[in-house]
């Protein structure tokens, strides 16, 4: 049995109770403008990495080729595997973190697909001229042609979704560990973005927007799950891990009191 009570002061915003909020429009707009600003330098950034000396650099190439395999499929499978092992080992903190990170990766990947399908932005190596026209779009062809699926980068969105979810969970459970977990997580998350620019698969602006999409879902899914501990996904995948008792979760403008009892 689960009883959930929300205690909100009169000034609390109703939008805090929903996953998507009206403020998200302004946030998305700000990052879209930032991405456009970066796009002005896309050809210069791309050509920097395409210089023969850098393309022949063994270290740079090995790093790029290694990180290019860190994408939505491998991260999703890794998250599910971690979730399964943690559940069998009865490690609820790891289980919850893995589940929320996997949710964020999937949500960010699907959102990125929905965006880049209609836009049909050409990848740097497929643009005409090559590595020069960052504003070449083939509207609605992104669904059919791989070379027109540049914006945003799913590699970047997946990496930042996982990193942000992990950091958010660590910060809730052990704030003192955030200072070393966060830098490591975000350096790893930036790796796939670097690899895609180095390999000519994405513009820098694709990476920035992908990072925003991933970071958004990583943070929002963790915040929402903890503010709504009885949500359907957590009940389905973490329900058997509920313990009897009362938990109090403070949130922005509200306090969530959850009472759970096992039968």
Protein backbone atom coordinates (compact mmCIF):
# COMPACT_ATOMS: atom_id res chain seq x y z
CA UNK A 1 0.00 0.00 0.00
CA UNK A 2 1.33 3.44 -0.90
CA UNK A 3 -0.07 6.70 0.35
CA UNK A 4 1.32 9.85 -1.18
CA UNK A 5 0.70 13.29 0.31
CA UNK A 6 1.85 16.55 -1.24
CA UNK A 7 2.31 19.52 1.05
CA UNK A 8 2.58 22.77 -0.90
CA UNK A 9 2.59 26.37 0.27
CA UNK A 10 0.07 28.65 -1.39
CA UNK A 11 2.71 30.28 -3.59
CA UNK A 12 3.94 27.01 -5.11
CA UNK A 13 3.81 26.80 -8.88
CA UNK A 14 1.45 24.23 -10.34
CA UNK A 15 3.96 23.55 -13.11
CA UNK A 16 6.27 21.90 -10.57
CA UNK A 17 3.87 18.96 -10.48
CA UNK A 18 4.34 18.13 -14.15
CA UNK A 19 7.27 16.71 -16.06
CA UNK A 20 7.31 19.47 -18.68
CA UNK A 21 6.96 23.07 -17.54
CA UNK A 22 6.19 26.36 -19.24
CA UNK A 23 9.71 27.60 -18.40
CA UNK A 24 11.11 24.84 -20.64
CA UNK A 25 10.12 26.88 -23.69
CA UNK A 26 12.42 29.74 -22.69
CA UNK A 27 15.20 27.31 -21.75
CA UNK A 28 14.98 25.52 -25.07
CA UNK A 29 14.90 28.82 -26.91
CA UNK A 30 18.04 30.00 -25.11
CA UNK A 31 19.98 26.88 -26.04
CA UNK A 32 18.69 27.01 -29.60
CA UNK A 33 20.03 30.55 -29.91
CA UNK A 34 23.32 29.45 -28.33
CA UNK A 35 23.52 26.62 -30.83
CA UNK A 36 22.94 29.06 -33.67
CA UNK A 37 25.71 31.26 -32.29
CA UNK A 38 28.10 28.30 -32.23
CA UNK A 39 27.02 27.34 -35.75
CA UNK A 40 28.65 30.51 -37.07
CA UNK A 41 31.97 28.87 -36.20
CA UNK A 42 31.06 25.33 -37.27
CA UNK A 43 33.18 25.22 -40.47
CA UNK A 44 36.23 26.63 -38.69
CA UNK A 45 35.94 24.13 -35.83
CA UNK A 46 35.39 21.22 -38.21
CA UNK A 47 38.31 22.15 -40.45
CA UNK A 48 40.54 22.46 -37.38
CA UNK A 49 40.03 18.78 -36.63
CA UNK A 50 40.26 17.83 -40.30
CA UNK A 51 43.78 19.19 -40.65
CA UNK A 52 46.00 16.34 -41.99
CA UNK A 53 48.36 16.60 -39.02
CA UNK A 54 45.49 16.08 -36.58
CA UNK A 55 43.88 13.34 -38.62
CA UNK A 56 47.21 11.50 -38.64
CA UNK A 57 47.66 11.96 -34.90
CA UNK A 58 47.37 8.42 -33.51
CA UNK A 59 46.28 9.49 -30.03
CA UNK A 60 43.54 11.79 -31.27
CA UNK A 61 42.26 9.15 -33.67
CA UNK A 62 42.30 6.33 -31.12
CA UNK A 63 40.38 8.46 -28.63
CA UNK A 64 37.85 9.42 -31.31
CA UNK A 65 37.39 5.87 -32.56
CA UNK A 66 37.01 4.59 -29.01
CA UNK A 67 34.43 7.16 -27.93
CA UNK A 68 32.38 6.81 -31.11
CA UNK A 69 31.22 3.42 -29.78
CA UNK A 70 29.85 5.10 -26.65
CA UNK A 71 26.40 5.81 -28.06
CA UNK A 72 22.71 5.33 -27.28
CA UNK A 73 22.67 1.56 -27.85
CA UNK A 74 25.74 0.72 -25.76
CA UNK A 75 24.73 3.14 -23.01
CA UNK A 76 21.18 1.80 -22.88
CA UNK A 77 22.36 -1.80 -22.73
CA UNK A 78 24.93 -0.84 -20.11
CA UNK A 79 22.28 0.86 -18.03
CA UNK A 80 19.92 -2.10 -18.22
CA UNK A 81 22.71 -4.52 -17.36
CA UNK A 82 23.74 -2.42 -14.36
CA UNK A 83 20.10 -2.19 -13.27
CA UNK A 84 19.69 -5.97 -13.49
CA UNK A 85 22.89 -6.74 -11.58
CA UNK A 86 22.08 -4.17 -8.89
CA UNK A 87 18.60 -5.61 -8.48
CA UNK A 88 19.95 -9.12 -8.02
CA UNK A 89 22.62 -7.83 -5.63
CA UNK A 90 20.00 -5.83 -3.70
CA UNK A 91 21.82 -2.53 -4.19
CA UNK A 92 18.87 -0.08 -4.36
CA UNK A 93 20.93 3.08 -4.85
CA UNK A 94 22.75 1.66 -7.88
CA UNK A 95 19.52 0.10 -9.16
CA UNK A 96 17.66 3.41 -9.01
CA UNK A 97 20.53 5.37 -10.56
CA UNK A 98 20.88 2.90 -13.43
CA UNK A 99 17.14 2.93 -14.11
CA UNK A 100 16.88 6.72 -14.18
CA UNK A 101 20.01 7.04 -16.33
CA UNK A 102 18.57 4.53 -18.81
CA UNK A 103 15.26 6.39 -18.90
CA UNK A 104 17.11 9.63 -19.63
CA UNK A 105 19.16 8.05 -22.43
CA UNK A 106 16.07 6.62 -24.13
CA UNK A 107 14.07 9.85 -23.78
CA UNK A 108 16.95 11.99 -25.08
CA UNK A 109 17.57 9.64 -28.02
CA UNK A 110 13.92 9.58 -29.07
CA UNK A 111 13.59 13.35 -28.79
CA UNK A 112 16.73 13.85 -30.87
CA UNK A 113 15.37 11.50 -33.54
CA UNK A 114 12.10 13.41 -33.69
CA UNK A 115 13.98 16.70 -34.14
CA UNK A 116 16.55 15.68 -36.73
CA UNK A 117 14.20 13.70 -38.93
CA UNK A 118 12.29 16.78 -40.17
CA UNK A 119 15.33 19.10 -40.17
CA UNK A 120 17.50 16.87 -42.35
CA UNK A 121 20.70 18.75 -41.60
CA UNK A 122 23.65 17.47 -43.63
CA UNK A 123 26.63 16.06 -41.76
CA UNK A 124 29.92 17.96 -42.26
CA UNK A 125 31.46 15.27 -44.46
CA UNK A 126 28.29 15.08 -46.56
CA UNK A 127 27.74 18.82 -46.97
CA UNK A 128 28.39 20.60 -50.25
CA UNK A 129 31.08 21.89 -50.19
CA UNK A 130 32.41 19.32 -47.74
CA UNK A 131 33.03 20.68 -44.23
CA UNK A 132 31.87 24.16 -45.30
CA UNK A 133 28.10 24.55 -45.59
CA UNK A 134 26.72 24.18 -42.06
CA UNK A 135 23.31 25.42 -43.19
CA UNK A 136 22.54 22.69 -45.70
CA UNK A 137 19.16 21.21 -44.80
CA UNK A 138 17.17 18.55 -46.62
CA UNK A 139 13.77 18.92 -45.01
CA UNK A 140 12.18 15.66 -43.80
CA UNK A 141 14.91 13.60 -45.44
CA UNK A 142 16.54 12.87 -42.10
CA UNK A 143 14.13 9.99 -41.61
CA UNK A 144 15.35 8.27 -44.77
CA UNK A 145 19.00 9.24 -45.14
CA UNK A 146 21.71 8.83 -42.51
CA UNK A 147 23.81 11.66 -43.97
CA UNK A 148 21.01 14.14 -43.19
CA UNK A 149 20.69 13.40 -39.48
CA UNK A 150 23.19 15.81 -37.99
CA UNK A 151 21.19 18.04 -35.63
CA UNK A 152 21.19 17.29 -32.75
CA UNK A 153 23.83 14.66 -32.01
CA UNK A 154 22.40 11.54 -30.39
CA UNK A 155 25.90 10.52 -29.28
CA UNK A 156 26.09 13.76 -27.33
CA UNK A 157 22.54 13.64 -25.98
CA UNK A 158 22.97 10.06 -24.76
CA UNK A 159 26.28 10.76 -23.07
CA UNK A 160 25.05 13.85 -21.26
CA UNK A 161 21.75 12.20 -20.32
CA UNK A 162 23.60 9.38 -18.55
CA UNK A 163 26.16 11.70 -16.94
CA UNK A 164 23.56 14.18 -15.67
CA UNK A 165 21.32 11.48 -14.23
CA UNK A 166 24.25 9.83 -12.42
CA UNK A 167 25.50 13.16 -11.05
CA UNK A 168 21.99 14.15 -9.92
CA UNK A 169 21.51 10.84 -8.08
CA UNK A 170 24.95 11.02 -6.46
CA UNK A 171 24.29 14.60 -5.36
CA UNK A 172 21.05 13.57 -3.66
CA UNK A 173 22.62 10.66 -1.81
CA UNK A 174 26.14 11.89 -1.14
CA UNK A 175 26.60 15.61 -1.93
CA UNK A 176 30.24 15.48 -0.90
CA UNK A 177 31.01 13.00 -3.69
CA UNK A 178 29.65 15.32 -6.39
CA UNK A 179 32.90 17.29 -6.69
CA UNK A 180 34.79 14.31 -8.10
CA UNK A 181 31.95 12.34 -9.71
CA UNK A 182 30.68 15.28 -11.78
CA UNK A 183 33.96 16.20 -13.54
CA UNK A 184 34.67 12.57 -14.40
CA UNK A 185 31.11 11.96 -15.64
CA UNK A 186 31.03 15.05 -17.84
CA UNK A 187 34.50 14.49 -19.29
CA UNK A 188 33.36 11.03 -20.37
CA UNK A 189 30.08 12.49 -21.67
CA UNK A 190 32.01 14.98 -23.81
CA UNK A 191 34.06 12.18 -25.39
CA UNK A 192 31.44 11.02 -27.92
CA UNK A 193 30.89 14.63 -29.00
CA UNK A 194 34.60 15.10 -29.63
CA UNK A 195 34.73 11.85 -31.60
CA UNK A 196 31.85 12.86 -33.87
CA UNK A 197 33.38 16.23 -34.68
CA UNK A 198 36.81 14.67 -35.27
CA UNK A 199 35.32 12.04 -37.58
CA UNK A 200 33.33 14.64 -39.54
CA UNK A 201 29.96 13.26 -38.49
CA UNK A 202 28.68 16.31 -36.60
CA UNK A 203 29.07 20.06 -36.38
CA UNK A 204 29.95 21.60 -33.01
CA UNK A 205 26.45 23.10 -32.80
CA UNK A 206 24.99 19.59 -33.13
CA UNK A 207 27.02 18.56 -30.09
CA UNK A 208 25.91 21.54 -28.02
CA UNK A 209 22.22 20.96 -28.69
CA UNK A 210 22.59 17.24 -28.05
CA UNK A 211 24.23 18.01 -24.70
CA UNK A 212 21.30 20.25 -23.79
CA UNK A 213 18.71 17.62 -24.69
CA UNK A 214 20.57 14.95 -22.71
CA UNK A 215 21.22 17.19 -19.73
CA UNK A 216 17.58 18.25 -19.65
CA UNK A 217 16.25 14.72 -19.48
CA UNK A 218 18.93 13.52 -17.10
CA UNK A 219 18.12 16.19 -14.52
CA UNK A 220 14.36 16.28 -15.05
CA UNK A 221 13.83 12.52 -14.82
CA UNK A 222 15.73 12.32 -11.53
CA UNK A 223 13.94 15.36 -10.07
CA UNK A 224 10.53 14.11 -11.16
CA UNK A 225 11.12 10.57 -9.89
CA UNK A 226 12.12 11.77 -6.44
CA UNK A 227 9.27 14.27 -6.26
CA UNK A 228 6.83 11.54 -7.41
CA UNK A 229 8.19 8.30 -5.89
CA UNK A 230 4.98 6.49 -6.84
CA UNK A 231 5.34 7.21 -10.59
CA UNK A 232 4.50 4.34 -12.92
CA UNK A 233 8.01 3.61 -14.15
CA UNK A 234 9.52 3.41 -10.67
CA UNK A 235 6.60 1.34 -9.40
CA UNK A 236 7.08 -1.09 -12.28
CA UNK A 237 10.86 -1.48 -12.06
CA UNK A 238 11.59 -0.63 -8.43
CA UNK A 239 8.28 -1.54 -6.79
CA UNK A 240 9.53 -4.75 -5.19
CA UNK A 241 12.27 -2.77 -3.55
CA UNK A 242 9.85 -0.63 -1.55
CA UNK A 243 10.24 -0.86 2.18
CA UNK A 244 7.64 -0.11 4.83
CA UNK A 245 7.80 3.31 6.36
CA UNK A 246 7.47 6.98 5.65
CA UNK A 247 9.76 9.05 3.46
CA UNK A 248 9.81 12.82 3.17
CA UNK A 249 11.22 14.30 -0.04
CA UNK A 250 11.66 18.08 -0.16
CA UNK A 251 11.16 19.68 -3.54
CA UNK A 252 10.94 23.13 -5.05
CA UNK A 253 7.91 24.73 -3.45
CA UNK A 254 6.62 21.46 -2.01
CA UNK A 255 7.23 18.52 0.27
CA UNK A 256 6.32 14.99 -0.83
CA UNK A 257 5.43 12.60 2.00
CA UNK A 258 5.22 8.95 0.95
CA UNK A 259 4.02 6.11 3.14
CA UNK A 260 4.70 2.58 1.88
CA UNK A 261 3.82 -0.71 3.44
CA UNK A 262 4.48 -4.19 2.08
CA UNK A 263 2.01 -7.05 2.35
